[in-house]
């Protein structure tokens, strides 16, 4: 696990997961899990929460609704009796348990999407019923602000923590020094949301896949 602390004392722990990065935020006495990975990682996540001394969650926050991020949301919601927060544009998909595949932005990822679509992969998951829809600028907790960053999906959102660390979901994927997203339903918005991230005071950006990125990584993707 890797840990960050904001200037305002919010702590972020990145769990050791394979399919997507999951983060535990502790903020003003409340505990939130950001993204939940896939069913096969459920027991590992539960063990890591226990290791951190966490026996309950005050909420589950989903950066967007894709199967690799929401696979355990319904189960953990029942287990911990907590709300699930998602952007308003993603609420219907989360409640229906079905999401469209993202579109590829690169030749290889376009082929991946084509094959996955033909096989009917990565579109269904256990639905969540008790869903709290949030909007741009809304605060989920003290110092925890929602920033709508559409592009990867219509309702993709980032979480701005004390205005100095951002959890960005799949707005960026930081691998091999590159952060340009390999999947985006609306590629025209990619530069818009990258610019939005730079307009914050954040110095670190924690993605849904890959390592933490800095402002220089975002800038390079805009050139």
Protein backbone atom coordinates (compact mmCIF):
# COMPACT_ATOMS: atom_id res chain seq x y z
CA UNK A 1 0.00 0.00 0.00
CA UNK A 2 1.07 3.59 -0.62
CA UNK A 3 0.00 6.57 1.45
CA UNK A 4 -0.43 10.32 0.83
CA UNK A 5 -1.52 13.10 3.17
CA UNK A 6 -2.96 16.41 2.00
CA UNK A 7 -2.13 19.82 3.45
CA UNK A 8 -5.45 19.67 5.31
CA UNK A 9 -4.76 16.29 6.90
CA UNK A 10 -6.82 14.05 4.61
CA UNK A 11 -5.10 10.67 4.23
CA UNK A 12 -5.23 8.53 1.10
CA UNK A 13 -4.17 4.88 1.01
CA UNK A 14 -3.83 3.10 -2.32
CA UNK A 15 -4.70 -0.55 -1.86
CA UNK A 16 -2.73 -3.31 -3.55
CA UNK A 17 -5.10 -4.25 -6.36
CA UNK A 18 -4.44 -5.41 -9.90
CA UNK A 19 -7.47 -4.55 -12.03
CA UNK A 20 -7.84 -0.91 -11.01
CA UNK A 21 -6.45 1.32 -8.30
CA UNK A 22 -8.67 1.54 -5.21
CA UNK A 23 -8.13 4.26 -2.63
CA UNK A 24 -9.20 4.66 1.00
CA UNK A 25 -9.80 8.27 2.03
CA UNK A 26 -9.99 9.23 5.71
CA UNK A 27 -11.46 12.69 6.05
CA UNK A 28 -12.75 14.40 9.21
CA UNK A 29 -13.44 11.07 10.89
CA UNK A 30 -15.21 9.58 7.86
CA UNK A 31 -13.88 6.74 5.70
CA UNK A 32 -14.55 6.45 1.97
CA UNK A 33 -13.53 3.79 -0.54
CA UNK A 34 -12.87 5.18 -4.02
CA UNK A 35 -13.54 2.57 -6.73
CA UNK A 36 -13.93 -1.13 -5.93
CA UNK A 37 -12.16 -3.16 -8.66
CA UNK A 38 -13.56 -6.55 -9.77
CA UNK A 39 -15.16 -9.45 -7.91
CA UNK A 40 -12.01 -11.57 -7.96
CA UNK A 41 -10.25 -8.95 -5.79
CA UNK A 42 -13.04 -8.70 -3.19
CA UNK A 43 -11.39 -10.77 -0.47
CA UNK A 44 -8.05 -9.03 -0.96
CA UNK A 45 -9.69 -5.62 -0.53
CA UNK A 46 -11.51 -6.79 2.59
CA UNK A 47 -8.25 -8.09 4.10
CA UNK A 48 -6.48 -4.82 3.38
CA UNK A 49 -9.28 -2.77 4.93
CA UNK A 50 -9.01 -4.94 8.04
CA UNK A 51 -5.23 -4.45 8.09
CA UNK A 52 -5.81 -0.69 8.06
CA UNK A 53 -8.11 -1.07 11.06
CA UNK A 54 -11.19 -0.15 9.03
CA UNK A 55 -14.36 -1.97 10.05
CA UNK A 56 -16.86 0.31 8.35
CA UNK A 57 -17.26 2.69 5.42
CA UNK A 58 -19.16 5.97 5.39
CA UNK A 59 -19.43 5.87 1.62
CA UNK A 60 -18.21 4.37 -1.63
CA UNK A 61 -17.23 6.87 -4.32
CA UNK A 62 -17.09 5.76 -7.94
CA UNK A 63 -15.08 7.84 -10.40
CA UNK A 64 -17.17 6.34 -13.22
CA UNK A 65 -19.21 3.26 -14.05
CA UNK A 66 -17.11 0.62 -15.78
CA UNK A 67 -16.94 -2.99 -14.66
CA UNK A 68 -13.32 -2.80 -13.48
CA UNK A 69 -14.24 0.00 -11.06
CA UNK A 70 -17.69 -1.02 -9.80
CA UNK A 71 -17.40 -4.81 -9.48
CA UNK A 72 -17.67 -4.81 -5.68
CA UNK A 73 -19.76 -1.68 -5.14
CA UNK A 74 -23.08 -3.45 -4.51
CA UNK A 75 -21.50 -6.08 -2.24
CA UNK A 76 -19.61 -3.53 -0.14
CA UNK A 77 -22.66 -1.28 0.03
CA UNK A 78 -24.61 -4.13 1.61
CA UNK A 79 -21.74 -5.21 3.85
CA UNK A 80 -21.07 -1.73 5.24
CA UNK A 81 -24.60 -0.29 4.87
CA UNK A 82 -23.35 2.87 3.19
CA UNK A 83 -24.22 5.15 0.29
CA UNK A 84 -22.60 4.89 -3.12
CA UNK A 85 -21.72 8.25 -4.70
CA UNK A 86 -21.54 8.63 -8.47
CA UNK A 87 -21.93 11.49 -10.93
CA UNK A 88 -25.53 12.09 -11.98
CA UNK A 89 -24.79 11.06 -15.57
CA UNK A 90 -23.71 7.58 -14.38
CA UNK A 91 -26.52 6.87 -11.90
CA UNK A 92 -28.81 5.02 -14.32
CA UNK A 93 -26.05 2.69 -15.50
CA UNK A 94 -25.08 1.91 -11.89
CA UNK A 95 -28.65 1.13 -10.90
CA UNK A 96 -29.21 -0.99 -14.03
CA UNK A 97 -25.98 -2.97 -13.65
CA UNK A 98 -25.00 -2.39 -17.24
CA UNK A 99 -22.55 -0.02 -18.91
CA UNK A 100 -21.35 0.48 -22.49
CA UNK A 101 -17.79 -0.33 -23.44
CA UNK A 102 -15.46 2.67 -23.71
CA UNK A 103 -14.11 3.61 -27.11
CA UNK A 104 -10.43 3.18 -27.93
CA UNK A 105 -8.25 6.21 -28.68
CA UNK A 106 -5.36 4.17 -30.14
CA UNK A 107 -5.27 1.54 -32.90
CA UNK A 108 -4.60 -1.25 -30.38
CA UNK A 109 -7.30 -0.20 -27.91
CA UNK A 110 -9.81 0.19 -30.74
CA UNK A 111 -9.16 -3.47 -31.62
CA UNK A 112 -9.53 -4.49 -27.97
CA UNK A 113 -12.93 -2.79 -27.79
CA UNK A 114 -14.02 -4.41 -31.04
CA UNK A 115 -13.18 -7.91 -29.79
CA UNK A 116 -14.65 -7.32 -26.32
CA UNK A 117 -17.85 -5.99 -27.87
CA UNK A 118 -18.20 -9.01 -30.13
CA UNK A 119 -17.75 -11.32 -27.12
CA UNK A 120 -20.09 -9.33 -24.89
CA UNK A 121 -17.39 -8.67 -22.29
CA UNK A 122 -17.09 -6.02 -19.56
CA UNK A 123 -20.61 -4.63 -19.67
CA UNK A 124 -22.56 -6.23 -16.78
CA UNK A 125 -22.17 -6.11 -12.99
CA UNK A 126 -24.28 -6.36 -9.84
CA UNK A 127 -26.47 -3.22 -9.73
CA UNK A 128 -26.51 -0.73 -6.84
CA UNK A 129 -29.87 0.47 -5.60
CA UNK A 130 -29.09 3.12 -2.99
CA UNK A 131 -27.21 5.62 -5.12
CA UNK A 132 -26.40 9.25 -4.32
CA UNK A 133 -25.93 11.30 -7.49
CA UNK A 134 -23.45 14.18 -7.23
CA UNK A 135 -22.67 17.13 -9.46
CA UNK A 136 -19.67 19.27 -10.35
CA UNK A 137 -18.50 21.42 -7.44
CA UNK A 138 -20.35 19.42 -4.80
CA UNK A 139 -18.53 18.45 -1.59
CA UNK A 140 -18.92 14.86 -0.41
CA UNK A 141 -17.00 15.62 2.78
CA UNK A 142 -14.88 18.47 4.17
CA UNK A 143 -12.16 19.23 1.64
CA UNK A 144 -13.43 16.58 -0.79
CA UNK A 145 -14.72 18.32 -3.92
CA UNK A 146 -16.21 16.74 -7.05
CA UNK A 147 -14.78 17.90 -10.39
CA UNK A 148 -16.70 16.69 -13.44
CA UNK A 149 -14.12 15.48 -15.99
CA UNK A 150 -16.12 13.93 -18.85
CA UNK A 151 -14.43 12.26 -21.78
CA UNK A 152 -13.61 8.74 -20.68
CA UNK A 153 -17.33 8.51 -19.90
CA UNK A 154 -20.02 11.17 -19.82
CA UNK A 155 -20.13 11.12 -16.03
CA UNK A 156 -16.46 10.62 -15.19
CA UNK A 157 -15.44 12.65 -12.17
CA UNK A 158 -12.32 13.47 -10.23
CA UNK A 159 -12.03 14.15 -6.51
CA UNK A 160 -10.06 17.22 -5.46
CA UNK A 161 -8.73 16.79 -1.92
CA UNK A 162 -7.86 20.01 -0.08
CA UNK A 163 -7.04 21.46 -3.51
CA UNK A 164 -3.62 19.76 -3.61
CA UNK A 165 -4.15 16.06 -4.48
CA UNK A 166 -6.62 14.75 -7.09
CA UNK A 167 -8.03 11.27 -7.56
CA UNK A 168 -8.82 11.22 -11.26
CA UNK A 169 -10.12 7.76 -12.15
CA UNK A 170 -9.48 6.99 -15.80
CA UNK A 171 -9.17 10.63 -16.86
CA UNK A 172 -5.50 9.72 -17.10
CA UNK A 173 -3.66 6.40 -17.07
CA UNK A 174 -0.03 6.86 -16.06
CA UNK A 175 2.21 4.25 -17.65
CA UNK A 176 5.60 4.59 -19.35
CA UNK A 177 5.62 8.33 -18.57
CA UNK A 178 2.46 8.79 -20.67
CA UNK A 179 -0.91 9.89 -19.26
CA UNK A 180 -3.07 10.23 -22.37
CA UNK A 181 -6.07 7.91 -21.83
CA UNK A 182 -6.15 4.85 -24.13
CA UNK A 183 -9.94 4.74 -23.84
CA UNK A 184 -12.38 7.66 -24.09
CA UNK A 185 -15.98 7.80 -25.25
CA UNK A 186 -15.54 11.42 -26.31
CA UNK A 187 -11.92 12.02 -27.27
CA UNK A 188 -12.73 15.64 -28.14
CA UNK A 189 -13.05 16.33 -24.41
CA UNK A 190 -9.72 14.83 -23.39
CA UNK A 191 -7.76 18.08 -23.62
CA UNK A 192 -10.60 19.92 -21.91
CA UNK A 193 -10.48 17.75 -18.80
CA UNK A 194 -6.69 17.71 -18.74
CA UNK A 195 -6.81 21.50 -18.73
CA UNK A 196 -9.41 21.38 -15.95
CA UNK A 197 -7.05 19.33 -13.84
CA UNK A 198 -4.23 21.83 -14.40
CA UNK A 199 -6.51 24.69 -13.38
CA UNK A 200 -6.68 23.22 -9.88
CA UNK A 201 -3.84 23.76 -7.45
CA UNK A 202 -3.18 20.02 -7.31
CA UNK A 203 0.41 18.86 -7.54
CA UNK A 204 -0.30 15.12 -7.60
CA UNK A 205 -2.85 13.19 -9.64
CA UNK A 206 -3.71 9.64 -8.57
CA UNK A 207 -5.17 7.65 -11.46
CA UNK A 208 -7.37 4.58 -11.75
CA UNK A 209 -4.51 2.71 -13.41
CA UNK A 210 -0.78 3.22 -13.05
CA UNK A 211 1.37 5.39 -10.80
CA UNK A 212 0.77 8.88 -9.44
CA UNK A 213 1.40 11.66 -11.95
CA UNK A 214 2.60 15.23 -11.59
CA UNK A 215 1.67 18.46 -13.34
CA UNK A 216 4.52 17.96 -15.79
CA UNK A 217 2.92 14.72 -17.00
CA UNK A 218 -0.40 16.46 -17.65
CA UNK A 219 1.35 19.30 -19.45
CA UNK A 220 3.20 16.88 -21.73
CA UNK A 221 -0.10 15.32 -22.82
CA UNK A 222 -1.38 18.75 -23.85
CA UNK A 223 1.57 19.55 -26.12
